Amino acid sequence: MALLGTIAGFSLFGLAARFGQLAIKKRNLMENLGGHALSMGVFGYAGYWAYRWDERAAVMLAQKRAEITERRERKLAHAA
């Protein structure tokens, strides 16, 4: 569910960015719906990528913490 929420949030941000671009140019917001879909798709993919990055980072951090704990335990065992 978190993946879907991340993708939807990024997609809505992409739609808002597209509306902002058109508002700055003072163009009709509903003129080119394909541009809206493209913007939402690109931002949605960015959301998917960010979610996957976060998942990989969490795994890497857990591995690194385990390595550090293991080294500390070996160091304490060696010192004792």
N, C-alpha and C. Protein backbone atom coordinates (compact mmCIF):
# COMPACT_ATOMS: atom_id res chain seq x y z
N MET A 1 0.82 -1.20 0.00
CA MET A 1 0.00 0.00 0.00
C MET A 1 0.86 1.25 0.00
N ALA A 2 2.01 1.19 0.64
CA ALA A 2 2.88 2.36 0.68
C ALA A 2 3.41 2.68 -0.71
N LEU A 3 3.66 1.64 -1.51
CA LEU A 3 4.15 1.85 -2.87
C LEU A 3 3.11 2.60 -3.69
N LEU A 4 1.87 2.16 -3.60
CA LEU A 4 0.79 2.81 -4.35
C LEU A 4 0.61 4.26 -3.89
N GLY A 5 0.70 4.49 -2.60
CA GLY A 5 0.57 5.85 -2.08
C GLY A 5 1.70 6.76 -2.55
N THR A 6 2.91 6.21 -2.59
CA THR A 6 4.06 7.00 -3.05
C THR A 6 3.91 7.36 -4.52
N ILE A 7 3.53 6.38 -5.33
CA ILE A 7 3.36 6.63 -6.77
C ILE A 7 2.23 7.64 -7.00
N ALA A 8 1.11 7.47 -6.30
CA ALA A 8 -0.02 8.39 -6.47
C ALA A 8 0.36 9.80 -6.01
N GLY A 9 1.08 9.89 -4.92
CA GLY A 9 1.49 11.21 -4.43
C GLY A 9 2.41 11.92 -5.41
N PHE A 10 3.39 11.21 -5.93
CA PHE A 10 4.29 11.81 -6.91
C PHE A 10 3.55 12.17 -8.18
N SER A 11 2.60 11.32 -8.61
CA SER A 11 1.83 11.61 -9.81
C SER A 11 0.98 12.87 -9.64
N LEU A 12 0.36 13.00 -8.49
CA LEU A 12 -0.43 14.21 -8.24
C LEU A 12 0.46 15.45 -8.18
N PHE A 13 1.66 15.28 -7.64
CA PHE A 13 2.60 16.40 -7.65
C PHE A 13 2.97 16.77 -9.08
N GLY A 14 3.14 15.76 -9.94
CA GLY A 14 3.42 16.01 -11.36
C GLY A 14 2.29 16.75 -12.04
N LEU A 15 1.05 16.36 -11.71
CA LEU A 15 -0.10 17.06 -12.28
C LEU A 15 -0.14 18.51 -11.80
N ALA A 16 0.14 18.72 -10.52
CA ALA A 16 0.16 20.09 -9.98
C ALA A 16 1.27 20.91 -10.63
N ALA A 17 2.43 20.27 -10.87
CA ALA A 17 3.52 20.98 -11.54
C ALA A 17 3.12 21.37 -12.95
N ARG A 18 2.44 20.47 -13.65
CA ARG A 18 1.97 20.76 -15.01
C ARG A 18 0.95 21.91 -15.00
N PHE A 19 0.02 21.87 -14.06
CA PHE A 19 -0.94 22.96 -13.95
C PHE A 19 -0.22 24.28 -13.64
N GLY A 20 0.79 24.22 -12.79
CA GLY A 20 1.55 25.42 -12.48
C GLY A 20 2.25 25.98 -13.69
N GLN A 21 2.83 25.10 -14.51
CA GLN A 21 3.50 25.54 -15.74
C GLN A 21 2.51 26.25 -16.66
N LEU A 22 1.36 25.63 -16.85
CA LEU A 22 0.37 26.23 -17.75
C LEU A 22 -0.22 27.52 -17.18
N ALA A 23 -0.35 27.59 -15.86
CA ALA A 23 -0.89 28.81 -15.24
C ALA A 23 0.09 29.96 -15.40
N ILE A 24 1.38 29.68 -15.30
CA ILE A 24 2.39 30.73 -15.48
C ILE A 24 2.32 31.26 -16.91
N LYS A 25 2.10 30.37 -17.87
CA LYS A 25 2.00 30.78 -19.27
C LYS A 25 0.62 31.35 -19.61
N LYS A 26 -0.31 31.25 -18.65
CA LYS A 26 -1.69 31.71 -18.83
C LYS A 26 -2.37 31.00 -20.01
N ARG A 27 -2.16 29.69 -20.04
CA ARG A 27 -2.79 28.86 -21.06
C ARG A 27 -3.93 28.06 -20.43
N ASN A 28 -4.79 27.54 -21.28
CA ASN A 28 -5.92 26.72 -20.83
C ASN A 28 -5.39 25.46 -20.16
N LEU A 29 -5.86 25.17 -18.94
CA LEU A 29 -5.36 24.03 -18.19
C LEU A 29 -5.79 22.69 -18.79
N MET A 30 -6.90 22.66 -19.49
CA MET A 30 -7.39 21.40 -20.07
C MET A 30 -7.13 21.31 -21.56
N GLU A 31 -6.15 22.04 -22.05
CA GLU A 31 -5.87 22.08 -23.48
C GLU A 31 -5.23 20.80 -24.00
N ASN A 32 -4.19 20.30 -23.33
CA ASN A 32 -3.45 19.14 -23.81
C ASN A 32 -3.41 18.09 -22.71
N LEU A 33 -4.38 17.17 -22.74
CA LEU A 33 -4.48 16.16 -21.69
C LEU A 33 -3.35 15.13 -21.78
N GLY A 34 -2.79 14.95 -22.97
CA GLY A 34 -1.67 14.03 -23.12
C GLY A 34 -0.45 14.51 -22.35
N GLY A 35 -0.26 15.81 -22.32
CA GLY A 35 0.85 16.38 -21.55
C GLY A 35 0.68 16.14 -20.06
N HIS A 36 -0.57 16.20 -19.60
CA HIS A 36 -0.85 15.92 -18.18
C HIS A 36 -0.53 14.46 -17.86
N ALA A 37 -0.97 13.57 -18.76
CA ALA A 37 -0.73 12.14 -18.54
C ALA A 37 0.78 11.84 -18.55
N LEU A 38 1.49 12.46 -19.48
CA LEU A 38 2.94 12.26 -19.55
C LEU A 38 3.62 12.75 -18.28
N SER A 39 3.24 13.92 -17.82
CA SER A 39 3.82 14.48 -16.61
C SER A 39 3.53 13.59 -15.40
N MET A 40 2.29 13.12 -15.30
CA MET A 40 1.93 12.24 -14.19
C MET A 40 2.69 10.92 -14.27
N GLY A 41 2.88 10.41 -15.47
CA GLY A 41 3.62 9.17 -15.64
C GLY A 41 5.08 9.31 -15.25
N VAL A 42 5.70 10.39 -15.67
CA VAL A 42 7.11 10.62 -15.34
C VAL A 42 7.29 10.80 -13.84
N PHE A 43 6.45 11.60 -13.23
CA PHE A 43 6.55 11.80 -11.79
C PHE A 43 6.17 10.53 -11.02
N GLY A 44 5.22 9.76 -11.54
CA GLY A 44 4.87 8.49 -10.91
C GLY A 44 6.03 7.52 -10.94
N TYR A 45 6.75 7.49 -12.07
CA TYR A 45 7.94 6.63 -12.15
C TYR A 45 9.00 7.11 -11.17
N ALA A 46 9.14 8.42 -11.03
CA ALA A 46 10.09 8.96 -10.05
C ALA A 46 9.69 8.52 -8.64
N GLY A 47 8.41 8.47 -8.36
CA GLY A 47 7.93 8.00 -7.06
C GLY A 47 8.23 6.53 -6.86
N TYR A 48 8.06 5.72 -7.91
CA TYR A 48 8.39 4.30 -7.82
C TYR A 48 9.88 4.13 -7.55
N TRP A 49 10.70 4.89 -8.26
CA TRP A 49 12.15 4.83 -8.09
C TRP A 49 12.55 5.26 -6.67
N ALA A 50 11.94 6.31 -6.17
CA ALA A 50 12.25 6.79 -4.82
C ALA A 50 11.85 5.74 -3.77
N TYR A 51 10.73 5.08 -3.98
CA TYR A 51 10.29 4.03 -3.05
C TYR A 51 11.28 2.88 -3.04
N ARG A 52 11.69 2.44 -4.23
CA ARG A 52 12.65 1.34 -4.33
C ARG A 52 14.00 1.73 -3.72
N TRP A 53 14.42 2.96 -3.95
CA TRP A 53 15.67 3.44 -3.38
C TRP A 53 15.59 3.38 -1.84
N ASP A 54 14.47 3.83 -1.29
CA ASP A 54 14.29 3.82 0.16
C ASP A 54 14.34 2.39 0.69
N GLU A 55 13.72 1.45 0.00
CA GLU A 55 13.74 0.05 0.42
C GLU A 55 15.16 -0.50 0.40
N ARG A 56 15.90 -0.23 -0.68
CA ARG A 56 17.28 -0.72 -0.76
C ARG A 56 18.16 -0.08 0.30
N ALA A 57 17.96 1.20 0.54
CA ALA A 57 18.75 1.89 1.56
C ALA A 57 18.48 1.30 2.94
N ALA A 58 17.25 0.95 3.23
CA ALA A 58 16.92 0.35 4.53
C ALA A 58 17.63 -1.00 4.70
N VAL A 59 17.65 -1.79 3.63
CA VAL A 59 18.33 -3.08 3.68
C VAL A 59 19.84 -2.88 3.87
N MET A 60 20.41 -1.96 3.13
CA MET A 60 21.85 -1.69 3.24
C MET A 60 22.21 -1.19 4.63
N LEU A 61 21.39 -0.32 5.20
CA LEU A 61 21.64 0.18 6.55
C LEU A 61 21.55 -0.95 7.58
N ALA A 62 20.59 -1.83 7.41
CA ALA A 62 20.46 -2.96 8.34
C ALA A 62 21.68 -3.87 8.26
N GLN A 63 22.16 -4.12 7.04
CA GLN A 63 23.37 -4.93 6.88
C GLN A 63 24.58 -4.26 7.52
N LYS A 64 24.70 -2.98 7.30
CA LYS A 64 25.85 -2.25 7.85
C LYS A 64 25.79 -2.24 9.38
N ARG A 65 24.61 -2.06 9.95
CA ARG A 65 24.46 -2.10 11.41
C ARG A 65 24.84 -3.48 11.96
N ALA A 66 24.44 -4.53 11.24
CA ALA A 66 24.78 -5.88 11.66
C ALA A 66 26.30 -6.10 11.61
N GLU A 67 26.94 -5.59 10.57
CA GLU A 67 28.40 -5.71 10.46
C GLU A 67 29.10 -4.98 11.60
N ILE A 68 28.62 -3.78 11.90
CA ILE A 68 29.23 -2.98 12.97
C ILE A 68 29.05 -3.70 14.31
N THR A 69 27.86 -4.23 14.56
CA THR A 69 27.61 -4.96 15.80
C THR A 69 28.51 -6.18 15.90
N GLU A 70 28.65 -6.89 14.79
CA GLU A 70 29.50 -8.08 14.78
C GLU A 70 30.96 -7.71 15.07
N ARG A 71 31.44 -6.64 14.46
CA ARG A 71 32.81 -6.18 14.71
C ARG A 71 33.01 -5.78 16.16
N ARG A 72 32.03 -5.11 16.73
CA ARG A 72 32.13 -4.71 18.14
C ARG A 72 32.18 -5.93 19.04
N GLU A 73 31.34 -6.91 18.76
CA GLU A 73 31.33 -8.12 19.57
C GLU A 73 32.66 -8.86 19.46
N ARG A 74 33.22 -8.96 18.25
CA ARG A 74 34.51 -9.60 18.09
C ARG A 74 35.61 -8.84 18.82
N LYS A 75 35.54 -7.52 18.76
CA LYS A 75 36.54 -6.70 19.43
C LYS A 75 36.46 -6.88 20.96
N LEU A 76 35.23 -6.91 21.48
CA LEU A 76 35.06 -7.13 22.93
C LEU A 76 35.50 -8.53 23.34
N ALA A 77 35.20 -9.52 22.50
CA ALA A 77 35.59 -10.89 22.81
C ALA A 77 37.11 -11.02 22.76
N HIS A 78 37.72 -10.34 21.83
CA HIS A 78 39.18 -10.40 21.70
C HIS A 78 39.85 -9.69 22.86
N ALA A 79 39.26 -8.59 23.31
CA ALA A 79 39.85 -7.80 24.40
C ALA A 79 39.68 -8.51 25.77
N ALA A 80 38.66 -9.33 25.87
CA ALA A 80 38.38 -9.97 27.17
C ALA A 80 39.14 -11.24 27.39
